[in-house]
N, C-alpha and C. Protein backbone atom coordinates (compact mmCIF):
# COMPACT_ATOMS: atom_id res chain seq x y z
N MET A 1 40.62 52.19 -5.49
CA MET A 1 39.93 53.46 -5.60
C MET A 1 40.97 54.58 -5.50
N LYS A 2 40.99 55.48 -6.46
CA LYS A 2 41.93 56.59 -6.47
C LYS A 2 41.28 57.83 -5.87
N HIS A 3 42.01 58.50 -4.99
CA HIS A 3 41.54 59.74 -4.37
C HIS A 3 42.45 60.89 -4.77
N ASN A 4 41.87 62.05 -5.00
CA ASN A 4 42.64 63.23 -5.34
C ASN A 4 42.59 64.28 -4.23
N ALA A 5 42.19 63.88 -3.03
CA ALA A 5 42.08 64.82 -1.92
C ALA A 5 43.44 65.39 -1.56
N VAL A 6 43.47 66.67 -1.25
CA VAL A 6 44.68 67.35 -0.82
C VAL A 6 44.78 67.34 0.70
N SER A 7 43.64 67.43 1.38
CA SER A 7 43.65 67.41 2.83
C SER A 7 42.29 66.98 3.37
N ILE A 8 42.31 66.54 4.61
CA ILE A 8 41.09 66.24 5.35
C ILE A 8 41.17 67.06 6.63
N ARG A 9 40.13 67.82 6.92
CA ARG A 9 40.16 68.70 8.08
C ARG A 9 39.14 68.24 9.11
N PRO A 10 39.61 67.84 10.29
CA PRO A 10 38.67 67.45 11.34
C PRO A 10 37.89 68.65 11.86
N PHE A 11 36.75 68.35 12.44
CA PHE A 11 35.85 69.37 12.99
C PHE A 11 35.81 69.21 14.50
N ILE A 12 35.95 70.32 15.22
CA ILE A 12 35.88 70.32 16.68
C ILE A 12 34.84 71.36 17.11
N GLY A 13 33.78 70.92 17.76
CA GLY A 13 32.76 71.83 18.26
C GLY A 13 33.19 72.42 19.60
N ALA A 14 32.69 73.61 19.93
CA ALA A 14 33.06 74.27 21.18
C ALA A 14 31.83 74.88 21.84
N LYS A 15 31.63 74.58 23.13
CA LYS A 15 30.52 75.20 23.87
C LYS A 15 30.76 76.69 24.04
N ASP A 16 32.01 77.07 24.34
CA ASP A 16 32.38 78.49 24.45
C ASP A 16 33.35 78.78 23.32
N PHE A 17 32.82 79.18 22.18
CA PHE A 17 33.60 79.36 20.95
C PHE A 17 34.70 80.39 21.13
N THR A 18 34.41 81.50 21.78
CA THR A 18 35.41 82.55 21.98
C THR A 18 36.56 82.04 22.84
N LEU A 19 36.26 81.37 23.93
CA LEU A 19 37.30 80.82 24.80
C LEU A 19 38.13 79.78 24.06
N SER A 20 37.49 78.93 23.28
CA SER A 20 38.19 77.90 22.52
C SER A 20 39.15 78.52 21.51
N ARG A 21 38.67 79.53 20.78
CA ARG A 21 39.53 80.21 19.80
C ARG A 21 40.74 80.82 20.47
N GLU A 22 40.56 81.49 21.60
CA GLU A 22 41.67 82.12 22.33
C GLU A 22 42.65 81.07 22.85
N PHE A 23 42.13 79.94 23.33
CA PHE A 23 42.98 78.85 23.82
C PHE A 23 43.94 78.38 22.73
N TYR A 24 43.40 78.08 21.56
CA TYR A 24 44.24 77.58 20.47
C TYR A 24 45.19 78.66 19.94
N LYS A 25 44.76 79.91 19.90
CA LYS A 25 45.65 80.98 19.47
C LYS A 25 46.78 81.17 20.48
N ASP A 26 46.49 81.01 21.78
CA ASP A 26 47.55 81.08 22.80
C ASP A 26 48.57 79.95 22.64
N LEU A 27 48.15 78.82 22.09
CA LEU A 27 49.06 77.70 21.83
C LEU A 27 49.88 77.91 20.55
N GLY A 28 49.60 78.99 19.82
CA GLY A 28 50.37 79.29 18.62
C GLY A 28 49.66 79.03 17.31
N PHE A 29 48.39 78.63 17.36
CA PHE A 29 47.63 78.42 16.14
C PHE A 29 47.26 79.76 15.51
N GLN A 30 47.24 79.80 14.19
CA GLN A 30 46.74 80.95 13.44
C GLN A 30 45.26 80.70 13.18
N GLU A 31 44.49 81.78 13.02
CA GLU A 31 43.06 81.62 12.78
C GLU A 31 42.65 82.25 11.47
N SER A 32 41.86 81.51 10.72
CA SER A 32 41.23 82.03 9.52
C SER A 32 39.72 81.97 9.77
N VAL A 33 39.10 83.14 9.93
CA VAL A 33 37.67 83.20 10.23
C VAL A 33 36.89 82.93 8.95
N ILE A 34 35.98 81.96 9.01
CA ILE A 34 35.15 81.61 7.86
C ILE A 34 33.81 82.33 7.98
N THR A 35 33.17 82.22 9.14
CA THR A 35 31.96 82.98 9.49
C THR A 35 32.09 83.35 10.96
N LYS A 36 31.10 84.07 11.51
CA LYS A 36 31.19 84.46 12.92
C LYS A 36 31.16 83.25 13.86
N ASP A 37 30.68 82.11 13.38
CA ASP A 37 30.58 80.90 14.19
C ASP A 37 31.47 79.75 13.71
N LEU A 38 32.39 80.03 12.78
CA LEU A 38 33.20 78.97 12.18
C LEU A 38 34.59 79.51 11.84
N SER A 39 35.62 78.80 12.29
CA SER A 39 37.00 79.20 12.02
C SER A 39 37.85 78.00 11.65
N TYR A 40 38.91 78.26 10.90
CA TYR A 40 39.92 77.26 10.61
C TYR A 40 41.14 77.66 11.42
N LEU A 41 41.59 76.78 12.32
CA LEU A 41 42.77 77.03 13.14
C LEU A 41 43.88 76.11 12.66
N TYR A 42 45.08 76.67 12.47
CA TYR A 42 46.15 75.89 11.87
C TYR A 42 47.52 76.31 12.38
N THR A 43 48.47 75.39 12.30
CA THR A 43 49.86 75.67 12.63
C THR A 43 50.74 74.59 12.01
N GLU A 44 51.87 74.97 11.49
CA GLU A 44 52.88 74.04 10.98
C GLU A 44 52.33 72.87 10.18
N GLY A 45 51.47 73.15 9.22
CA GLY A 45 50.98 72.11 8.33
C GLY A 45 49.81 71.29 8.83
N ILE A 46 49.30 71.58 10.04
CA ILE A 46 48.13 70.88 10.55
C ILE A 46 47.06 71.90 10.89
N GLY A 47 45.80 71.47 10.88
CA GLY A 47 44.73 72.39 11.22
C GLY A 47 43.41 71.67 11.40
N PHE A 48 42.42 72.41 11.86
CA PHE A 48 41.09 71.85 12.07
C PHE A 48 40.06 72.97 11.99
N ILE A 49 38.82 72.57 11.77
CA ILE A 49 37.69 73.50 11.75
C ILE A 49 37.08 73.53 13.15
N SER A 50 36.84 74.72 13.66
CA SER A 50 36.17 74.88 14.96
C SER A 50 34.88 75.66 14.74
N LYS A 51 33.81 75.19 15.39
CA LYS A 51 32.50 75.81 15.25
C LYS A 51 31.85 75.90 16.61
N THR A 52 31.05 76.95 16.78
CA THR A 52 30.29 77.06 18.02
C THR A 52 29.33 75.88 18.13
N HIS A 53 29.23 75.33 19.30
CA HIS A 53 28.35 74.18 19.56
C HIS A 53 26.99 74.70 19.95
N SER A 54 25.95 74.39 19.14
CA SER A 54 24.61 74.91 19.46
C SER A 54 23.70 73.85 19.99
């Protein structure tokens, strides 16, 4: 089976979305806000999707 995927991005839910975003940014991750409850956090070629846990 041939795949043409460029990347796979894991998803990490957060009970306190604001605190989680700040934690990862303090570690050096950059943030790309997708919606008010969803962000892509990335650094040095790796990244993940973070969403508020409802």
